[in-house]
N, C-alpha and C. Protein backbone atom coordinates (compact mmCIF):
# COMPACT_ATOMS: atom_id res chain seq x y z
N MET A 1 90.84 90.76 123.64
CA MET A 1 91.08 89.42 123.10
C MET A 1 92.57 89.32 122.75
N PRO A 2 93.25 88.28 123.21
CA PRO A 2 94.66 88.10 122.89
C PRO A 2 94.88 87.98 121.37
N ILE A 3 96.04 88.45 120.94
CA ILE A 3 96.36 88.44 119.51
C ILE A 3 96.31 87.03 118.92
N VAL A 4 96.70 86.04 119.70
CA VAL A 4 96.68 84.66 119.21
C VAL A 4 95.26 84.25 118.82
N ASN A 5 94.29 84.64 119.62
CA ASN A 5 92.90 84.31 119.32
C ASN A 5 92.41 85.06 118.09
N ARG A 6 92.82 86.31 117.96
CA ARG A 6 92.41 87.10 116.79
C ARG A 6 92.98 86.50 115.51
N ILE A 7 94.23 86.06 115.57
CA ILE A 7 94.85 85.43 114.40
C ILE A 7 94.13 84.13 114.06
N ALA A 8 93.80 83.36 115.06
CA ALA A 8 93.08 82.10 114.84
C ALA A 8 91.73 82.36 114.19
N ASP A 9 91.07 83.45 114.58
CA ASP A 9 89.78 83.80 113.98
C ASP A 9 89.90 84.09 112.49
N PHE A 10 91.02 84.71 112.09
CA PHE A 10 91.23 85.07 110.69
C PHE A 10 91.88 83.96 109.86
N SER A 11 92.29 82.89 110.51
CA SER A 11 93.03 81.83 109.84
C SER A 11 92.32 81.27 108.61
N LYS A 12 91.08 80.91 108.74
CA LYS A 12 90.32 80.36 107.60
C LYS A 12 90.17 81.38 106.49
N ASP A 13 89.91 82.64 106.85
CA ASP A 13 89.79 83.70 105.85
C ASP A 13 91.10 83.87 105.09
N MET A 14 92.20 83.95 105.82
CA MET A 14 93.50 84.15 105.18
C MET A 14 93.85 82.98 104.27
N GLN A 15 93.50 81.78 104.68
CA GLN A 15 93.75 80.60 103.85
C GLN A 15 92.96 80.70 102.55
N GLY A 16 91.73 81.14 102.63
CA GLY A 16 90.90 81.33 101.44
C GLY A 16 91.46 82.40 100.53
N TRP A 17 91.94 83.51 101.11
CA TRP A 17 92.53 84.59 100.30
C TRP A 17 93.75 84.07 99.56
N ARG A 18 94.63 83.35 100.28
CA ARG A 18 95.84 82.81 99.66
C ARG A 18 95.49 81.87 98.52
N ARG A 19 94.54 81.01 98.75
CA ARG A 19 94.14 80.06 97.70
C ARG A 19 93.56 80.79 96.49
N HIS A 20 92.74 81.81 96.73
CA HIS A 20 92.17 82.59 95.63
C HIS A 20 93.27 83.28 94.83
N LEU A 21 94.19 83.94 95.52
CA LEU A 21 95.25 84.67 94.83
C LEU A 21 96.19 83.74 94.07
N HIS A 22 96.49 82.59 94.62
CA HIS A 22 97.38 81.64 93.93
C HIS A 22 96.67 80.92 92.79
N ALA A 23 95.37 80.82 92.86
CA ALA A 23 94.61 80.20 91.77
C ALA A 23 94.41 81.15 90.60
N ASN A 24 94.64 82.45 90.84
CA ASN A 24 94.44 83.48 89.82
C ASN A 24 95.69 84.36 89.70
N PRO A 25 96.83 83.77 89.30
CA PRO A 25 98.07 84.55 89.24
C PRO A 25 98.04 85.59 88.12
N GLU A 26 98.79 86.66 88.34
CA GLU A 26 98.92 87.70 87.33
C GLU A 26 100.42 87.95 87.11
N PRO A 27 100.84 88.09 85.85
CA PRO A 27 102.26 88.24 85.55
C PRO A 27 102.81 89.62 85.92
N GLY A 28 104.04 89.64 86.40
CA GLY A 28 104.74 90.89 86.67
C GLY A 28 103.97 91.85 87.55
N PHE A 29 103.92 93.08 87.08
CA PHE A 29 103.24 94.11 87.85
C PHE A 29 101.83 94.38 87.34
N GLU A 30 101.29 93.48 86.55
CA GLU A 30 99.92 93.60 86.04
C GLU A 30 98.99 92.91 87.03
N CYS A 31 98.69 93.59 88.10
CA CYS A 31 97.92 92.99 89.19
C CYS A 31 96.54 93.62 89.36
N HIS A 32 95.87 93.83 88.26
CA HIS A 32 94.57 94.51 88.32
C HIS A 32 93.52 93.68 89.05
N GLU A 33 93.47 92.40 88.76
CA GLU A 33 92.49 91.53 89.43
C GLU A 33 92.82 91.40 90.92
N THR A 34 94.11 91.27 91.22
CA THR A 34 94.53 91.16 92.61
C THR A 34 94.17 92.42 93.38
N ALA A 35 94.44 93.57 92.79
CA ALA A 35 94.12 94.84 93.45
C ALA A 35 92.61 94.95 93.67
N GLY A 36 91.84 94.56 92.69
CA GLY A 36 90.39 94.59 92.84
C GLY A 36 89.92 93.68 93.95
N PHE A 37 90.51 92.50 94.03
CA PHE A 37 90.16 91.55 95.08
C PHE A 37 90.46 92.13 96.46
N VAL A 38 91.63 92.69 96.61
CA VAL A 38 92.04 93.22 97.90
C VAL A 38 91.25 94.47 98.28
N ILE A 39 91.17 95.41 97.36
CA ILE A 39 90.53 96.69 97.68
C ILE A 39 89.02 96.57 97.77
N ALA A 40 88.40 96.08 96.73
CA ALA A 40 86.94 96.06 96.68
C ALA A 40 86.34 95.01 97.59
N ASP A 41 86.85 93.80 97.52
CA ASP A 41 86.24 92.70 98.24
C ASP A 41 86.66 92.64 99.71
N GLN A 42 87.95 92.53 99.95
CA GLN A 42 88.42 92.29 101.31
C GLN A 42 88.37 93.53 102.18
N ALA A 43 88.78 94.67 101.67
CA ALA A 43 88.77 95.89 102.49
C ALA A 43 87.34 96.26 102.87
N ALA A 44 86.41 96.07 101.96
CA ALA A 44 85.00 96.37 102.27
C ALA A 44 84.48 95.46 103.37
N GLU A 45 84.85 94.19 103.32
CA GLU A 45 84.42 93.25 104.36
C GLU A 45 84.98 93.62 105.72
N MET A 46 86.19 94.20 105.72
CA MET A 46 86.84 94.55 106.98
C MET A 46 86.40 95.92 107.49
N GLY A 47 85.59 96.61 106.70
CA GLY A 47 85.11 97.91 107.12
C GLY A 47 86.05 99.06 106.81
N ALA A 48 87.01 98.82 105.92
CA ALA A 48 87.96 99.89 105.56
C ALA A 48 87.43 100.73 104.42
């Protein structure tokens, strides 16, 4: 599958991730919720 198609497939997901992260900002380097979102939620969905 061409990379353009793969990116298009992830477009809606990435938009949702961006909206979630921007709706839940964390100050400075205190990114515990962000790390949890990325590691636990998204990495698990991707099979990592």
